[in-house]
């Protein structure tokens, strides 16, 4: 009788130990989920930013910063995959609070996908801003070049000297291909 009671006590102790280990695994997963969720939340303002820079250098700086944010998101995606795998194994084993864990994992995956989508939209906006500022910069350079050429032509025309005629002819001859090239 004592041996049976002792074996029953050992079996009960083993069940309790397994329940505590399962609860410890659940708490570890939930803590990891909360940590990752907090990191996603911390990154969200940078991908929601409407700042597109005020000039091309500002946009390039923002693009470099955005590259770092995307790298962080990708690294956390790897961590998320590990958490989801561990959590899925736990849920399949029907451990303690498996419904809660399933819900938290789904929310975390949705938060990650939302963050990736926002990062993609931010990159597209920054790329468009860079193209716009590049166009503006190119336009200003072309205007400046045209103004220089205009001043040269006006200066030569203002002299109206007969010896300047061949120089003027060479200038206009060279100016045609230069304008075509631009």
Protein backbone atom coordinates (compact mmCIF):
# COMPACT_ATOMS: atom_id res chain seq x y z
CA UNK A 1 0.00 0.00 0.00
CA UNK A 2 2.81 2.42 0.85
CA UNK A 3 4.62 1.65 -2.41
CA UNK A 4 1.44 2.35 -4.41
CA UNK A 5 0.92 5.64 -2.58
CA UNK A 6 4.58 6.51 -3.09
CA UNK A 7 4.28 5.79 -6.85
CA UNK A 8 1.06 7.83 -7.03
CA UNK A 9 2.83 10.72 -5.27
CA UNK A 10 5.77 10.46 -7.70
CA UNK A 11 3.37 10.43 -10.67
CA UNK A 12 1.52 13.46 -9.26
CA UNK A 13 4.86 15.20 -8.70
CA UNK A 14 5.90 14.46 -12.30
CA UNK A 15 2.60 15.86 -13.63
CA UNK A 16 3.08 18.98 -11.54
CA UNK A 17 6.66 19.35 -12.78
CA UNK A 18 5.52 19.04 -16.39
CA UNK A 19 2.71 21.55 -15.80
CA UNK A 20 5.22 24.00 -14.31
CA UNK A 21 7.63 23.46 -17.21
CA UNK A 22 4.78 24.05 -19.65
CA UNK A 23 3.80 27.21 -17.80
CA UNK A 24 7.45 28.34 -17.83
CA UNK A 25 7.59 27.77 -21.61
CA UNK A 26 4.35 29.73 -22.02
CA UNK A 27 5.65 32.63 -19.92
CA UNK A 28 8.90 32.69 -21.93
CA UNK A 29 6.97 32.77 -25.20
CA UNK A 30 4.62 35.49 -23.97
CA UNK A 31 7.58 37.56 -22.73
CA UNK A 32 9.30 37.19 -26.12
CA UNK A 33 6.08 38.15 -27.89
CA UNK A 34 5.70 41.27 -25.74
CA UNK A 35 9.34 42.24 -26.28
CA UNK A 36 9.08 41.85 -30.03
CA UNK A 37 5.77 43.70 -30.11
CA UNK A 38 7.35 46.58 -28.17
CA UNK A 39 10.21 46.71 -30.68
CA UNK A 40 7.74 46.78 -33.57
CA UNK A 41 5.88 49.59 -31.85
CA UNK A 42 9.14 51.50 -31.36
CA UNK A 43 9.97 51.22 -35.08
CA UNK A 44 6.53 52.25 -36.26
CA UNK A 45 6.99 56.05 -35.95
CA UNK A 46 10.05 55.95 -38.21
CA UNK A 47 8.15 54.15 -41.00
CA UNK A 48 5.06 56.33 -40.54
CA UNK A 49 7.07 59.55 -40.84
CA UNK A 50 5.88 61.98 -43.50
CA UNK A 51 9.27 63.72 -43.67
CA UNK A 52 10.56 63.39 -47.22
CA UNK A 53 13.46 65.83 -46.90
CA UNK A 54 13.83 69.34 -48.23
CA UNK A 55 16.50 68.63 -50.85
CA UNK A 56 18.25 65.70 -52.49
CA UNK A 57 20.89 65.32 -49.76
CA UNK A 58 18.18 65.23 -47.10
CA UNK A 59 16.32 62.51 -48.99
CA UNK A 60 19.50 60.48 -49.43
CA UNK A 61 20.15 60.76 -45.70
CA UNK A 62 16.59 59.62 -44.97
CA UNK A 63 17.02 56.69 -47.36
CA UNK A 64 20.16 55.59 -45.53
CA UNK A 65 18.32 55.77 -42.20
CA UNK A 66 15.44 53.84 -43.74
CA UNK A 67 17.87 51.13 -44.88
CA UNK A 68 18.85 50.67 -41.23
CA UNK A 69 15.21 50.47 -40.16
CA UNK A 70 14.50 47.88 -42.86
CA UNK A 71 17.51 45.87 -41.65
CA UNK A 72 16.12 45.93 -38.12
CA UNK A 73 12.73 44.82 -39.38
CA UNK A 74 14.29 41.95 -41.35
CA UNK A 75 16.32 40.82 -38.31
CA UNK A 76 13.22 40.90 -36.17
CA UNK A 77 11.44 38.90 -38.86
CA UNK A 78 13.92 36.08 -38.22
CA UNK A 79 13.25 36.32 -34.50
CA UNK A 80 9.50 36.32 -35.21
CA UNK A 81 9.85 33.15 -37.29
CA UNK A 82 11.58 31.42 -34.37
CA UNK A 83 8.91 32.57 -31.92
CA UNK A 84 6.11 31.46 -34.25
CA UNK A 85 7.72 28.06 -34.72
CA UNK A 86 8.15 27.55 -30.98
CA UNK A 87 4.66 28.86 -30.31
CA UNK A 88 3.14 26.60 -32.96
CA UNK A 89 4.85 23.60 -31.42
CA UNK A 90 3.48 24.63 -28.03
CA UNK A 91 -0.06 25.11 -29.39
CA UNK A 92 0.04 21.73 -31.17
CA UNK A 93 0.93 20.16 -27.84
CA UNK A 94 -2.20 21.83 -26.39
CA UNK A 95 -0.19 23.36 -23.58
CA UNK A 96 -1.58 25.76 -21.01
CA UNK A 97 -3.43 28.77 -22.44
CA UNK A 98 -2.90 27.67 -26.04
CA UNK A 99 -5.81 29.86 -27.26
CA UNK A 100 -4.20 32.95 -25.73
CA UNK A 101 -0.87 32.08 -27.29
CA UNK A 102 -2.45 31.49 -30.71
CA UNK A 103 -4.17 34.87 -30.55
CA UNK A 104 -0.99 36.67 -29.46
CA UNK A 105 1.01 35.02 -32.25
CA UNK A 106 -1.59 36.05 -34.83
CA UNK A 107 -1.57 39.63 -33.55
CA UNK A 108 2.23 39.73 -33.63
CA UNK A 109 2.35 38.42 -37.20
CA UNK A 110 -0.25 41.01 -38.26
CA UNK A 111 1.77 43.76 -36.56
CA UNK A 112 4.91 42.60 -38.39
CA UNK A 113 3.19 42.53 -41.78
CA UNK A 114 1.75 45.99 -41.14
CA UNK A 115 5.22 47.27 -40.24
CA UNK A 116 6.71 45.75 -43.41
CA UNK A 117 3.95 47.29 -45.51
CA UNK A 118 4.53 50.72 -43.95
CA UNK A 119 8.28 50.38 -44.54
CA UNK A 120 7.66 49.50 -48.19
CA UNK A 121 5.38 52.52 -48.62
CA UNK A 122 7.93 54.79 -46.91
CA UNK A 123 10.70 53.55 -49.23
CA UNK A 124 8.54 54.18 -52.29
CA UNK A 125 7.77 57.70 -51.07
CA UNK A 126 11.43 58.42 -50.41
CA UNK A 127 12.40 57.08 -53.83
CA UNK A 128 9.81 59.32 -55.50
CA UNK A 129 11.08 62.30 -53.48
CA UNK A 130 14.66 61.53 -54.54
CA UNK A 131 13.59 61.39 -58.19
CA UNK A 132 11.74 64.69 -57.83
CA UNK A 133 14.67 66.46 -56.17
CA UNK A 134 17.05 64.99 -58.76
CA UNK A 135 14.81 66.35 -61.52
CA UNK A 136 14.76 69.76 -59.83
CA UNK A 137 18.54 69.74 -59.42
CA UNK A 138 19.06 68.71 -63.06
CA UNK A 139 16.63 71.41 -64.18
CA UNK A 140 18.48 74.07 -62.18
CA UNK A 141 21.82 72.95 -63.63
CA UNK A 142 20.40 73.13 -67.15
CA UNK A 143 18.96 76.59 -66.51
CA UNK A 144 22.30 77.74 -65.16
CA UNK A 145 24.13 76.35 -68.20
CA UNK A 146 21.66 78.01 -70.57
CA UNK A 147 22.04 81.31 -68.74
CA UNK A 148 25.84 81.07 -69.08
CA UNK A 149 25.58 80.33 -72.79
CA UNK A 150 23.11 83.17 -73.23
CA UNK A 151 25.49 85.59 -71.53
CA UNK A 152 28.39 84.47 -73.75
CA UNK A 153 26.28 84.96 -76.86
CA UNK A 154 25.08 88.38 -75.71
CA UNK A 155 28.64 89.46 -74.97
CA UNK A 156 29.89 88.43 -78.39
CA UNK A 157 26.88 90.00 -80.11
CA UNK A 158 27.37 93.21 -78.16
CA UNK A 159 30.88 93.66 -79.62
CA UNK A 160 29.58 93.60 -83.22
CA UNK A 161 33.08 93.67 -84.44
CA UNK A 162 33.87 92.09 -87.78
CA UNK A 163 36.83 90.15 -86.34
CA UNK A 164 34.44 88.55 -83.80
CA UNK A 165 32.30 87.07 -86.57
CA UNK A 166 34.36 83.85 -87.01
CA UNK A 167 34.43 83.42 -83.25
CA UNK A 168 30.69 83.90 -83.12
CA UNK A 169 30.22 81.41 -85.94
CA UNK A 170 32.37 78.79 -84.12
CA UNK A 171 30.46 79.43 -80.91
CA UNK A 172 27.07 78.90 -82.53
CA UNK A 173 28.37 75.87 -84.41
CA UNK A 174 29.60 74.33 -81.13
CA UNK A 175 26.52 75.38 -79.25
CA UNK A 176 24.19 73.33 -81.48
CA UNK A 177 25.65 69.91 -80.56
CA UNK A 178 26.00 70.98 -76.92
CA UNK A 179 22.31 71.82 -76.74
CA UNK A 180 21.46 68.58 -78.55
CA UNK A 181 23.58 66.63 -76.03
CA UNK A 182 21.73 68.11 -73.11
